[in-house]
């Protein structure tokens, strides 16, 4: 597996759907699901973590600066 080490900021995600991604064993926040920066460019666009979405460091810094805490995020394949 590629090394998707966190190298810049994180956006820590929390689910909104009770019983799906909020609460219990599937809770996104309690499982530490993030959008985070990585310097491993070869892993971008490929599964390389334990549920996180990783971006190039520069892209994540830009997104972090644009999205205040509480911003709703939709992640789709």
C-alpha atoms as a PDB file:
ATOM      1  CA  UNK A   1       0.000   0.000   0.000  1.00  0.00           C
ATOM      2  CA  UNK A   2       1.311   3.495  -0.776  1.00  0.00           C
ATOM      3  CA  UNK A   3       2.264   5.718   2.118  1.00  0.00           C
ATOM      4  CA  UNK A   4      -0.498   8.331   2.455  1.00  0.00           C
ATOM      5  CA  UNK A   5       1.132  10.067   5.407  1.00  0.00           C
ATOM      6  CA  UNK A   6      -0.584  13.217   6.661  1.00  0.00           C
ATOM      7  CA  UNK A   7       1.777  16.063   5.801  1.00  0.00           C
ATOM      8  CA  UNK A   8      -0.447  19.146   6.056  1.00  0.00           C
ATOM      9  CA  UNK A   9      -3.723  20.181   7.628  1.00  0.00           C
ATOM     10  CA  UNK A  10      -6.705  17.891   8.107  1.00  0.00           C
ATOM     11  CA  UNK A  11     -10.426  18.382   7.658  1.00  0.00           C
ATOM     12  CA  UNK A  12     -11.941  15.970  10.168  1.00  0.00           C
ATOM     13  CA  UNK A  13     -15.229  14.635   8.830  1.00  0.00           C
ATOM     14  CA  UNK A  14     -18.376  13.926  10.809  1.00  0.00           C
ATOM     15  CA  UNK A  15     -21.306  12.040   9.308  1.00  0.00           C
ATOM     16  CA  UNK A  16     -24.866  13.324   9.177  1.00  0.00           C
ATOM     17  CA  UNK A  17     -26.810  10.070   8.770  1.00  0.00           C
ATOM     18  CA  UNK A  18     -27.605   8.377  12.073  1.00  0.00           C
ATOM     19  CA  UNK A  19     -26.790   4.686  11.932  1.00  0.00           C
ATOM     20  CA  UNK A  20     -24.913   5.063   8.647  1.00  0.00           C
ATOM     21  CA  UNK A  21     -21.977   7.380   9.263  1.00  0.00           C
ATOM     22  CA  UNK A  22     -22.983   8.991  12.544  1.00  0.00           C
ATOM     23  CA  UNK A  23     -22.979   6.986  15.731  1.00  0.00           C
ATOM     24  CA  UNK A  24     -22.118   3.411  16.571  1.00  0.00           C
ATOM     25  CA  UNK A  25     -19.317   1.494  14.876  1.00  0.00           C
ATOM     26  CA  UNK A  26     -19.605   3.386  11.586  1.00  0.00           C
ATOM     27  CA  UNK A  27     -19.229   6.914  12.968  1.00  0.00           C
ATOM     28  CA  UNK A  28     -16.926   8.849  10.605  1.00  0.00           C
ATOM     29  CA  UNK A  29     -15.674  11.230  13.299  1.00  0.00           C
ATOM     30  CA  UNK A  30     -14.922   8.516  15.852  1.00  0.00           C
ATOM     31  CA  UNK A  31     -13.102   6.507  13.142  1.00  0.00           C
ATOM     32  CA  UNK A  32     -10.858   9.521  12.361  1.00  0.00           C
ATOM     33  CA  UNK A  33     -11.924   9.938   8.735  1.00  0.00           C
ATOM     34  CA  UNK A  34     -10.172  12.986   7.284  1.00  0.00           C
ATOM     35  CA  UNK A  35      -9.531  14.916   4.144  1.00  0.00           C
ATOM     36  CA  UNK A  36      -5.799  15.480   4.464  1.00  0.00           C
ATOM     37  CA  UNK A  37      -2.712  16.508   2.552  1.00  0.00           C
ATOM     38  CA  UNK A  38      -0.028  14.087   1.470  1.00  0.00           C
ATOM     39  CA  UNK A  39       3.259  14.377  -0.338  1.00  0.00           C
ATOM     40  CA  UNK A  40       2.859  10.883  -1.851  1.00  0.00           C
ATOM     41  CA  UNK A  41       1.795  12.029  -5.310  1.00  0.00           C
ATOM     42  CA  UNK A  42       1.799   8.489  -6.715  1.00  0.00           C
ATOM     43  CA  UNK A  43      -1.059   7.520  -4.383  1.00  0.00           C
ATOM     44  CA  UNK A  44      -3.360  10.393  -5.396  1.00  0.00           C
ATOM     45  CA  UNK A  45      -6.569   9.142  -6.974  1.00  0.00           C
ATOM     46  CA  UNK A  46      -6.047   5.613  -5.613  1.00  0.00           C
ATOM     47  CA  UNK A  47      -7.091   3.889  -2.387  1.00  0.00           C
ATOM     48  CA  UNK A  48      -4.122   4.409  -0.085  1.00  0.00           C
ATOM     49  CA  UNK A  49      -5.445   4.983   3.410  1.00  0.00           C
ATOM     50  CA  UNK A  50      -7.952   3.636   5.895  1.00  0.00           C
ATOM     51  CA  UNK A  51     -10.905   5.670   4.638  1.00  0.00           C
ATOM     52  CA  UNK A  52      -9.418   9.127   4.278  1.00  0.00           C
ATOM     53  CA  UNK A  53      -9.470  11.279   1.192  1.00  0.00           C
ATOM     54  CA  UNK A  54      -6.000  12.584   0.500  1.00  0.00           C
ATOM     55  CA  UNK A  55      -5.037  15.529  -1.680  1.00  0.00           C
ATOM     56  CA  UNK A  56      -1.795  17.098  -2.798  1.00  0.00           C
ATOM     57  CA  UNK A  57      -0.540  19.387  -0.034  1.00  0.00           C
ATOM     58  CA  UNK A  58      -1.089  22.614  -2.001  1.00  0.00           C
ATOM     59  CA  UNK A  59      -4.654  21.603  -2.911  1.00  0.00           C
ATOM     60  CA  UNK A  60      -5.488  20.738   0.687  1.00  0.00           C
ATOM     61  CA  UNK A  61      -4.069  24.004   2.047  1.00  0.00           C
ATOM     62  CA  UNK A  62      -6.225  25.916  -0.458  1.00  0.00           C
ATOM     63  CA  UNK A  63      -9.343  23.896   0.457  1.00  0.00           C
ATOM     64  CA  UNK A  64      -8.654  24.253   4.187  1.00  0.00           C
ATOM     65  CA  UNK A  65      -8.440  28.031   3.835  1.00  0.00           C
ATOM     66  CA  UNK A  66     -11.722  28.148   1.853  1.00  0.00           C
ATOM     67  CA  UNK A  67     -13.875  25.814   3.995  1.00  0.00           C
ATOM     68  CA  UNK A  68     -14.684  27.092   7.494  1.00  0.00           C
ATOM     69  CA  UNK A  69     -15.466  24.644  10.270  1.00  0.00           C
ATOM     70  CA  UNK A  70     -18.956  23.198   9.788  1.00  0.00           C
ATOM     71  CA  UNK A  71     -18.875  23.317   5.978  1.00  0.00           C
ATOM     72  CA  UNK A  72     -20.958  20.506   4.493  1.00  0.00           C
ATOM     73  CA  UNK A  73     -18.909  18.153   2.308  1.00  0.00           C
ATOM     74  CA  UNK A  74     -20.300  15.683  -0.233  1.00  0.00           C
ATOM     75  CA  UNK A  75     -17.933  12.909  -1.254  1.00  0.00           C
ATOM     76  CA  UNK A  76     -18.934  10.910  -4.293  1.00  0.00           C
ATOM     77  CA  UNK A  77     -17.130   8.337  -6.384  1.00  0.00           C
END
